Amino acid sequence: MAKVPAVLVVDENEDSRVEVRKLLVRAGLAVAGEARYGAAAAAAAHQLQPDAIVIGIEEPPNRALETIESLATLLLETPVLAYSSLDEPDAL
């Protein structure tokens, strides 16, 4: 049987993390863990070694983008997927 990919959920908002966790489980993926931005996300990624990372980007996007950069440097081969409820072209 194939290994189910484990995903780390990163978002500042706990409610958003819960909703993303539910979506991932419904999609048949394993949730390795969840964290907030910054050092917490880096520590979780280092410890858990997920197959993928899903991160929320909201206003202001700076901390999320810095976290993405840090995670991409820490786990070079791990895909980082971002989601957002922002619909303003300048924000995107």
PDB file of N, CA and C in Angstrom:
ATOM      1  N   MET A   1       0.846  -1.181   0.000  1.00  0.00           N
ATOM      2  CA  MET A   1       0.000   0.000   0.000  1.00  0.00           C
ATOM      3  C   MET A   1       0.887   1.238   0.000  1.00  0.00           C
ATOM      4  N   ALA A   2       0.517   2.242  -0.777  1.00  0.00           N
ATOM      5  CA  ALA A   2       1.292   3.479  -0.884  1.00  0.00           C
ATOM      6  C   ALA A   2       1.187   4.297   0.398  1.00  0.00           C
ATOM      7  N   LYS A   3       2.264   5.002   0.682  1.00  0.00           N
ATOM      8  CA  LYS A   3       2.298   5.863   1.865  1.00  0.00           C
ATOM      9  C   LYS A   3       1.391   7.078   1.643  1.00  0.00           C
ATOM     10  N   VAL A   4       0.607   7.414   2.631  1.00  0.00           N
ATOM     11  CA  VAL A   4      -0.253   8.596   2.566  1.00  0.00           C
ATOM     12  C   VAL A   4       0.613   9.817   2.875  1.00  0.00           C
ATOM     13  N   PRO A   5       0.636  10.813   1.993  1.00  0.00           N
ATOM     14  CA  PRO A   5       1.460  11.995   2.242  1.00  0.00           C
ATOM     15  C   PRO A   5       1.043  12.714   3.534  1.00  0.00           C
ATOM     16  N   ALA A   6       2.047  13.137   4.289  1.00  0.00           N
ATOM     17  CA  ALA A   6       1.820  13.871   5.534  1.00  0.00           C
ATOM     18  C   ALA A   6       2.047  15.361   5.276  1.00  0.00           C
ATOM     19  N   VAL A   7       1.099  16.181   5.699  1.00  0.00           N
ATOM     20  CA  VAL A   7       1.121  17.608   5.416  1.00  0.00           C
ATOM     21  C   VAL A   7       1.203  18.401   6.718  1.00  0.00           C
ATOM     22  N   LEU A   8       2.055  19.426   6.730  1.00  0.00           N
ATOM     23  CA  LEU A   8       2.134  20.370   7.837  1.00  0.00           C
ATOM     24  C   LEU A   8       1.275  21.570   7.477  1.00  0.00           C
ATOM     25  N   VAL A   9       0.375  21.967   8.365  1.00  0.00           N
ATOM     26  CA  VAL A   9      -0.501  23.116   8.153  1.00  0.00           C
ATOM     27  C   VAL A   9       0.061  24.302   8.935  1.00  0.00           C
ATOM     28  N   VAL A  10       0.302  25.415   8.234  1.00  0.00           N
ATOM     29  CA  VAL A  10       0.853  26.615   8.867  1.00  0.00           C
ATOM     30  C   VAL A  10      -0.108  27.774   8.624  1.00  0.00           C
ATOM     31  N   ASP A  11      -0.575  28.371   9.703  1.00  0.00           N
ATOM     32  CA  ASP A  11      -1.481  29.523   9.619  1.00  0.00           C
ATOM     33  C   ASP A  11      -1.514  30.184  10.984  1.00  0.00           C
ATOM     34  N   GLU A  12      -1.616  31.487  11.017  1.00  0.00           N
ATOM     35  CA  GLU A  12      -1.696  32.199  12.286  1.00  0.00           C
ATOM     36  C   GLU A  12      -3.045  31.982  12.965  1.00  0.00           C
ATOM     37  N   ASN A  13      -4.062  31.758  12.155  1.00  0.00           N
ATOM     38  CA  ASN A  13      -5.421  31.652  12.675  1.00  0.00           C
ATOM     39  C   ASN A  13      -5.761  30.195  12.996  1.00  0.00           C
ATOM     40  N   GLU A  14      -6.054  29.924  14.245  1.00  0.00           N
ATOM     41  CA  GLU A  14      -6.356  28.553  14.667  1.00  0.00           C
ATOM     42  C   GLU A  14      -7.585  27.994  13.958  1.00  0.00           C
ATOM     43  N   ASP A  15      -8.612  28.811  13.778  1.00  0.00           N
ATOM     44  CA  ASP A  15      -9.821  28.341  13.083  1.00  0.00           C
ATOM     45  C   ASP A  15      -9.499  27.927  11.650  1.00  0.00           C
ATOM     46  N   SER A  16      -8.647  28.687  11.002  1.00  0.00           N
ATOM     47  CA  SER A  16      -8.250  28.339   9.628  1.00  0.00           C
ATOM     48  C   SER A  16      -7.486  27.028   9.604  1.00  0.00           C
ATOM     49  N   ARG A  17      -6.607  26.834  10.585  1.00  0.00           N
ATOM     50  CA  ARG A  17      -5.861  25.572  10.655  1.00  0.00           C
ATOM     51  C   ARG A  17      -6.805  24.385  10.824  1.00  0.00           C
ATOM     52  N   VAL A  18      -7.820  24.547  11.655  1.00  0.00           N
ATOM     53  CA  VAL A  18      -8.797  23.474  11.874  1.00  0.00           C
ATOM     54  C   VAL A  18      -9.530  23.157  10.570  1.00  0.00           C
ATOM     55  N   GLU A  19      -9.947  24.175   9.840  1.00  0.00           N
ATOM     56  CA  GLU A  19     -10.680  23.963   8.589  1.00  0.00           C
ATOM     57  C   GLU A  19      -9.795  23.289   7.539  1.00  0.00           C
ATOM     58  N   VAL A  20      -8.549  23.724   7.443  1.00  0.00           N
ATOM     59  CA  VAL A  20      -7.635  23.112   6.476  1.00  0.00           C
ATOM     60  C   VAL A  20      -7.359  21.665   6.854  1.00  0.00           C
ATOM     61  N   ARG A  21      -7.201  21.417   8.145  1.00  0.00           N
ATOM     62  CA  ARG A  21      -6.992  20.042   8.623  1.00  0.00           C
ATOM     63  C   ARG A  21      -8.164  19.155   8.168  1.00  0.00           C
ATOM     64  N   LYS A  22      -9.387  19.634   8.342  1.00  0.00           N
ATOM     65  CA  LYS A  22     -10.567  18.867   7.936  1.00  0.00           C
ATOM     66  C   LYS A  22     -10.544  18.583   6.433  1.00  0.00           C
ATOM     67  N   LEU A  23     -10.211  19.593   5.629  1.00  0.00           N
ATOM     68  CA  LEU A  23     -10.159  19.420   4.174  1.00  0.00           C
ATOM     69  C   LEU A  23      -9.106  18.394   3.770  1.00  0.00           C
ATOM     70  N   LEU A  24      -7.946  18.455   4.402  1.00  0.00           N
ATOM     71  CA  LEU A  24      -6.876  17.520   4.073  1.00  0.00           C
ATOM     72  C   LEU A  24      -7.267  16.082   4.422  1.00  0.00           C
ATOM     73  N   VAL A  25      -7.882  15.899   5.576  1.00  0.00           N
ATOM     74  CA  VAL A  25      -8.303  14.563   6.001  1.00  0.00           C
ATOM     75  C   VAL A  25      -9.363  14.032   5.040  1.00  0.00           C
ATOM     76  N   ARG A  26     -10.323  14.891   4.660  1.00  0.00           N
ATOM     77  CA  ARG A  26     -11.353  14.474   3.704  1.00  0.00           C
ATOM     78  C   ARG A  26     -10.756  14.085   2.358  1.00  0.00           C
ATOM     79  N   ALA A  27      -9.623  14.718   2.016  1.00  0.00           N
ATOM     80  CA  ALA A  27      -8.950  14.418   0.748  1.00  0.00           C
ATOM     81  C   ALA A  27      -8.081  13.169   0.846  1.00  0.00           C
ATOM     82  N   GLY A  28      -8.030  12.565   2.030  1.00  0.00           N
ATOM     83  CA  GLY A  28      -7.266  11.342   2.200  1.00  0.00           C
ATOM     84  C   GLY A  28      -5.808  11.548   2.546  1.00  0.00           C
ATOM     85  N   LEU A  29      -5.448  12.753   2.961  1.00  0.00           N
ATOM     86  CA  LEU A  29      -4.074  13.046   3.345  1.00  0.00           C
ATOM     87  C   LEU A  29      -3.920  12.991   4.860  1.00  0.00           C
ATOM     88  N   ALA A  30      -2.715  12.738   5.320  1.00  0.00           N
ATOM     89  CA  ALA A  30      -2.432  12.734   6.757  1.00  0.00           C
ATOM     90  C   ALA A  30      -1.939  14.116   7.155  1.00  0.00           C
ATOM     91  N   VAL A  31      -2.363  14.590   8.304  1.00  0.00           N
ATOM     92  CA  VAL A  31      -1.889  15.868   8.823  1.00  0.00           C
ATOM     93  C   VAL A  31      -0.780  15.563   9.827  1.00  0.00           C
ATOM     94  N   ALA A  32       0.437  15.954   9.472  1.00  0.00           N
ATOM     95  CA  ALA A  32       1.598  15.695  10.326  1.00  0.00           C
ATOM     96  C   ALA A  32       1.558  16.572  11.570  1.00  0.00           C
ATOM     97  N   GLY A  33       1.018  17.776  11.419  1.00  0.00           N
ATOM     98  CA  GLY A  33       0.948  18.709  12.531  1.00  0.00           C
ATOM     99  C   GLY A  33       0.529  20.073  12.033  1.00  0.00           C
ATOM    100  N   GLU A  34       0.516  21.029  12.939  1.00  0.00           N
ATOM    101  CA  GLU A  34       0.173  22.396  12.566  1.00  0.00           C
ATOM    102  C   GLU A  34       0.982  23.357  13.400  1.00  0.00           C
ATOM    103  N   ALA A  35       1.157  24.574  12.858  1.00  0.00           N
ATOM    104  CA  ALA A  35       1.977  25.573  13.536  1.00  0.00           C
ATOM    105  C   ALA A  35       1.585  26.968  13.081  1.00  0.00           C
ATOM    106  N   ARG A  36       2.046  27.920  13.853  1.00  0.00           N
ATOM    107  CA  ARG A  36       1.913  29.323  13.469  1.00  0.00           C
ATOM    108  C   ARG A  36       3.126  29.691  12.636  1.00  0.00           C
ATOM    109  N   TYR A  37       3.194  30.931  12.170  1.00  0.00           N
ATOM    110  CA  TYR A  37       4.312  31.400  11.351  1.00  0.00           C
ATOM    111  C   TYR A  37       5.618  31.440  12.138  1.00  0.00           C
ATOM    112  N   GLY A  38       6.690  31.678  11.414  1.00  0.00           N
ATOM    113  CA  GLY A  38       7.987  31.947  12.007  1.00  0.00           C
ATOM    114  C   GLY A  38       8.682  30.724  12.576  1.00  0.00           C
ATOM    115  N   ALA A  39       9.283  30.932  13.747  1.00  0.00           N
ATOM    116  CA  ALA A  39      10.086  29.880  14.385  1.00  0.00           C
ATOM    117  C   ALA A  39       9.266  28.636  14.689  1.00  0.00           C
ATOM    118  N   ALA A  40       7.998  28.802  15.031  1.00  0.00           N
ATOM    119  CA  ALA A  40       7.144  27.642  15.325  1.00  0.00           C
ATOM    120  C   ALA A  40       6.989  26.771  14.079  1.00  0.00           C
ATOM    121  N   ALA A  41       6.811  27.391  12.928  1.00  0.00           N
ATOM    122  CA  ALA A  41       6.670  26.637  11.681  1.00  0.00           C
ATOM    123  C   ALA A  41       7.978  25.938  11.320  1.00  0.00           C
ATOM    124  N   ALA A  42       9.093  26.637  11.479  1.00  0.00           N
ATOM    125  CA  ALA A  42      10.398  26.049  11.164  1.00  0.00           C
ATOM    126  C   ALA A  42      10.693  24.864  12.081  1.00  0.00           C
ATOM    127  N   ALA A  43      10.400  25.012  13.366  1.00  0.00           N
ATOM    128  CA  ALA A  43      10.647  23.924  14.317  1.00  0.00           C
ATOM    129  C   ALA A  43       9.776  22.713  13.993  1.00  0.00           C
ATOM    130  N   ALA A  44       8.509  22.949  13.687  1.00  0.00           N
ATOM    131  CA  ALA A  44       7.600  21.850  13.355  1.00  0.00           C
ATOM    132  C   ALA A  44       8.053  21.155  12.073  1.00  0.00           C
ATOM    133  N   ALA A  45       8.445  21.934  11.070  1.00  0.00           N
ATOM    134  CA  ALA A  45       8.889  21.349   9.806  1.00  0.00           C
ATOM    135  C   ALA A  45      10.151  20.516  10.013  1.00  0.00           C
ATOM    136  N   HIS A  46      11.077  21.026  10.795  1.00  0.00           N
ATOM    137  CA  HIS A  46      12.322  20.304  11.062  1.00  0.00           C
ATOM    138  C   HIS A  46      12.046  18.998  11.810  1.00  0.00           C
ATOM    139  N   GLN A  47      11.187  19.060  12.802  1.00  0.00           N
ATOM    140  CA  GLN A  47      10.877  17.879  13.613  1.00  0.00           C
ATOM    141  C   GLN A  47      10.051  16.850  12.849  1.00  0.00           C
ATOM    142  N   LEU A  48       9.027  17.301  12.128  1.00  0.00           N
ATOM    143  CA  LEU A  48       8.071  16.393  11.500  1.00  0.00           C
ATOM    144  C   LEU A  48       8.482  15.903  10.116  1.00  0.00           C
ATOM    145  N   GLN A  49       9.320  16.674   9.410  1.00  0.00           N
ATOM    146  CA  GLN A  49       9.751  16.321   8.055  1.00  0.00           C
ATOM    147  C   GLN A  49       8.549  15.937   7.172  1.00  0.00           C
ATOM    148  N   PRO A  50       7.588  16.862   7.003  1.00  0.00           N
ATOM    149  CA  PRO A  50       6.379  16.541   6.233  1.00  0.00           C
ATOM    150  C   PRO A  50       6.683  16.349   4.751  1.00  0.00           C
ATOM    151  N   ASP A  51       5.751  15.710   4.064  1.00  0.00           N
ATOM    152  CA  ASP A  51       5.867  15.528   2.621  1.00  0.00           C
ATOM    153  C   ASP A  51       5.482  16.794   1.866  1.00  0.00           C
ATOM    154  N   ALA A  52       4.666  17.640   2.500  1.00  0.00           N
ATOM    155  CA  ALA A  52       4.245  18.910   1.913  1.00  0.00           C
ATOM    156  C   ALA A  52       3.862  19.859   3.046  1.00  0.00           C
ATOM    157  N   ILE A  53       3.875  21.150   2.724  1.00  0.00           N
ATOM    158  CA  ILE A  53       3.483  22.183   3.690  1.00  0.00           C
ATOM    159  C   ILE A  53       2.416  23.040   3.033  1.00  0.00           C
ATOM    160  N   VAL A  54       1.333  23.290   3.764  1.00  0.00           N
ATOM    161  CA  VAL A  54       0.260  24.166   3.305  1.00  0.00           C
ATOM    162  C   VAL A  54       0.249  25.366   4.245  1.00  0.00           C
ATOM    163  N   ILE A  55       0.327  26.575   3.675  1.00  0.00           N
ATOM    164  CA  ILE A  55       0.411  27.779   4.494  1.00  0.00           C
ATOM    165  C   ILE A  55      -0.590  28.828   4.040  1.00  0.00           C
ATOM    166  N   GLY A  56      -1.258  29.441   5.012  1.00  0.00           N
ATOM    167  CA  GLY A  56      -2.224  30.501   4.738  1.00  0.00           C
ATOM    168  C   GLY A  56      -1.544  31.855   4.671  1.00  0.00           C
ATOM    169  N   ILE A  57      -1.962  32.665   3.717  1.00  0.00           N
ATOM    170  CA  ILE A  57      -1.431  34.023   3.574  1.00  0.00           C
ATOM    171  C   ILE A  57      -2.591  35.005   3.689  1.00  0.00           C
ATOM    172  N   GLU A  58      -2.544  35.822   4.703  1.00  0.00           N
ATOM    173  CA  GLU A  58      -3.560  36.856   4.905  1.00  0.00           C
ATOM    174  C   GLU A  58      -2.859  38.194   5.128  1.00  0.00           C
ATOM    175  N   GLU A  59      -3.620  39.241   5.305  1.00  0.00           N
ATOM    176  CA  GLU A  59      -3.052  40.572   5.546  1.00  0.00           C
ATOM    177  C   GLU A  59      -2.534  40.673   6.969  1.00  0.00           C
ATOM    178  N   PRO A  60      -1.429  41.256   7.196  1.00  0.00           N
ATOM    179  CA  PRO A  60      -0.390  41.578   6.218  1.00  0.00           C
ATOM    180  C   PRO A  60       0.372  40.322   5.832  1.00  0.00           C
ATOM    181  N   PRO A  61       0.748  40.201   4.566  1.00  0.00           N
ATOM    182  CA  PRO A  61       1.351  38.961   4.085  1.00  0.00           C
ATOM    183  C   PRO A  61       2.834  38.774   4.432  1.00  0.00           C
ATOM    184  N   ASN A  62       3.480  39.789   4.965  1.00  0.00           N
ATOM    185  CA  ASN A  62       4.932  39.734   5.189  1.00  0.00           C
ATOM    186  C   ASN A  62       5.382  38.532   6.010  1.00  0.00           C
ATOM    187  N   ARG A  63       4.759  38.282   7.152  1.00  0.00           N
ATOM    188  CA  ARG A  63       5.191  37.157   8.003  1.00  0.00           C
ATOM    189  C   ARG A  63       4.996  35.825   7.308  1.00  0.00           C
ATOM    190  N   ALA A  64       3.899  35.679   6.596  1.00  0.00           N
ATOM    191  CA  ALA A  64       3.657  34.429   5.867  1.00  0.00           C
ATOM    192  C   ALA A  64       4.715  34.235   4.787  1.00  0.00           C
ATOM    193  N   LEU A  65       5.039  35.281   4.050  1.00  0.00           N
ATOM    194  CA  LEU A  65       6.035  35.173   2.989  1.00  0.00           C
ATOM    195  C   LEU A  65       7.421  34.894   3.559  1.00  0.00           C
ATOM    196  N   GLU A  66       7.759  35.510   4.678  1.00  0.00           N
ATOM    197  CA  GLU A  66       9.035  35.225   5.343  1.00  0.00           C
ATOM    198  C   GLU A  66       9.084  33.768   5.811  1.00  0.00           C
ATOM    199  N   THR A  67       7.964  33.285   6.317  1.00  0.00           N
ATOM    200  CA  THR A  67       7.885  31.893   6.766  1.00  0.00           C
ATOM    201  C   THR A  67       8.050  30.943   5.588  1.00  0.00           C
ATOM    202  N   ILE A  68       7.422  31.243   4.470  1.00  0.00           N
ATOM    203  CA  ILE A  68       7.563  30.423   3.270  1.00  0.00           C
ATOM    204  C   ILE A  68       9.021  30.367   2.846  1.00  0.00           C
ATOM    205  N   GLU A  69       9.688  31.504   2.834  1.00  0.00           N
ATOM    206  CA  GLU A  69      11.102  31.543   2.455  1.00  0.00           C
ATOM    207  C   GLU A  69      11.944  30.683   3.393  1.00  0.00           C
ATOM    208  N   SER A  70      11.678  30.796   4.676  1.00  0.00           N
ATOM    209  CA  SER A  70      12.411  30.008   5.669  1.00  0.00           C
ATOM    210  C   SER A  70      12.179  28.512   5.474  1.00  0.00           C
ATOM    211  N   LEU A  71      10.928  28.129   5.272  1.00  0.00           N
ATOM    212  CA  LEU A  71      10.589  26.713   5.090  1.00  0.00           C
ATOM    213  C   LEU A  71      11.189  26.152   3.804  1.00  0.00           C
ATOM    214  N   ALA A  72      11.173  26.944   2.751  1.00  0.00           N
ATOM    215  CA  ALA A  72      11.734  26.501   1.475  1.00  0.00           C
ATOM    216  C   ALA A  72      13.240  26.294   1.582  1.00  0.00           C
ATOM    217  N   THR A  73      13.892  27.085   2.406  1.00  0.00           N
ATOM    218  CA  THR A  73      15.331  26.944   2.627  1.00  0.00           C
ATOM    219  C   THR A  73      15.627  25.748   3.521  1.00  0.00           C
ATOM    220  N   LEU A  74      14.788  25.537   4.521  1.00  0.00           N
ATOM    221  CA  LEU A  74      14.983  24.452   5.476  1.00  0.00           C
ATOM    222  C   LEU A  74      14.749  23.082   4.846  1.00  0.00           C
ATOM    223  N   LEU A  75      13.672  22.959   4.077  1.00  0.00           N
ATOM    224  CA  LEU A  75      13.308  21.682   3.443  1.00  0.00           C
ATOM    225  C   LEU A  75      13.257  21.885   1.926  1.00  0.00           C
ATOM    226  N   LEU A  76      14.411  21.796   1.312  1.00  0.00           N
ATOM    227  CA  LEU A  76      14.553  22.130  -0.108  1.00  0.00           C
ATOM    228  C   LEU A  76      13.650  21.321  -1.033  1.00  0.00           C
ATOM    229  N   GLU A  77      13.413  20.082  -0.722  1.00  0.00           N
ATOM    230  CA  GLU A  77      12.649  19.188  -1.604  1.00  0.00           C
ATOM    231  C   GLU A  77      11.157  19.127  -1.267  1.00  0.00           C
ATOM    232  N   THR A  78      10.738  19.854  -0.242  1.00  0.00           N
ATOM    233  CA  THR A  78       9.349  19.775   0.216  1.00  0.00           C
ATOM    234  C   THR A  78       8.501  20.862  -0.439  1.00  0.00           C
ATOM    235  N   PRO A  79       7.433  20.484  -1.143  1.00  0.00           N
ATOM    236  CA  PRO A  79       6.570  21.498  -1.752  1.00  0.00           C
ATOM    237  C   PRO A  79       5.860  22.333  -0.678  1.00  0.00           C
ATOM    238  N   VAL A  80       5.789  23.635  -0.949  1.00  0.00           N
ATOM    239  CA  VAL A  80       5.063  24.565  -0.074  1.00  0.00           C
ATOM    240  C   VAL A  80       3.929  25.146  -0.898  1.00  0.00           C
ATOM    241  N   LEU A  81       2.691  24.896  -0.456  1.00  0.00           N
ATOM    242  CA  LEU A  81       1.505  25.376  -1.157  1.00  0.00           C
ATOM    243  C   LEU A  81       0.848  26.461  -0.313  1.00  0.00           C
ATOM    244  N   ALA A  82       0.513  27.564  -0.926  1.00  0.00           N
ATOM    245  CA  ALA A  82      -0.104  28.674  -0.204  1.00  0.00           C
ATOM    246  C   ALA A  82      -1.571  28.819  -0.587  1.00  0.00           C
ATOM    247  N   TYR A  83      -2.364  29.293   0.374  1.00  0.00           N
ATOM    248  CA  TYR A  83      -3.773  29.609   0.121  1.00  0.00           C
ATOM    249  C   TYR A  83      -4.089  30.934   0.788  1.00  0.00           C
ATOM    250  N   SER A  84      -5.126  31.585   0.312  1.00  0.00           N
ATOM    251  CA  SER A  84      -5.484  32.889   0.869  1.00  0.00           C
ATOM    252  C   SER A  84      -6.933  33.206   0.549  1.00  0.00           C
ATOM    253  N   SER A  85      -7.534  34.008   1.404  1.00  0.00           N
ATOM    254  CA  SER A  85      -8.866  34.518   1.107  1.00  0.00           C
ATOM    255  C   SER A  85      -8.778  35.908   0.470  1.00  0.00           C
ATOM    256  N   LEU A  86      -7.561  36.409   0.303  1.00  0.00           N
ATOM    257  CA  LEU A  86      -7.363  37.716  -0.317  1.00  0.00           C
ATOM    258  C   LEU A  86      -7.730  37.642  -1.794  1.00  0.00           C
ATOM    259  N   ASP A  87      -8.450  38.653  -2.261  1.00  0.00           N
ATOM    260  CA  ASP A  87      -8.811  38.661  -3.667  1.00  0.00           C
ATOM    261  C   ASP A  87      -8.414  39.965  -4.350  1.00  0.00           C
ATOM    262  N   GLU A  88      -7.579  40.745  -3.679  1.00  0.00           N
ATOM    263  CA  GLU A  88      -7.107  41.991  -4.255  1.00  0.00           C
ATOM    264  C   GLU A  88      -5.860  41.711  -5.091  1.00  0.00           C
ATOM    265  N   PRO A  89      -5.830  42.157  -6.351  1.00  0.00           N
ATOM    266  CA  PRO A  89      -4.683  41.885  -7.214  1.00  0.00           C
ATOM    267  C   PRO A  89      -3.344  42.328  -6.609  1.00  0.00           C
ATOM    268  N   ASP A  90      -3.309  43.472  -5.939  1.00  0.00           N
ATOM    269  CA  ASP A  90      -2.064  43.948  -5.350  1.00  0.00           C
ATOM    270  C   ASP A  90      -1.585  43.024  -4.234  1.00  0.00           C
ATOM    271  N   ALA A  91      -2.504  42.481  -3.472  1.00  0.00           N
ATOM    272  CA  ALA A  91      -2.134  41.577  -2.383  1.00  0.00           C
ATOM    273  C   ALA A  91      -1.585  40.273  -2.938  1.00  0.00           C
ATOM    274  N   LEU A  92      -2.199  39.786  -4.015  1.00  0.00           N
ATOM    275  CA  LEU A  92      -1.736  38.535  -4.618  1.00  0.00           C
ATOM    276  C   LEU A  92      -0.396  38.714  -5.259  1.00  0.00           C
TER     277      LEU A  92
END
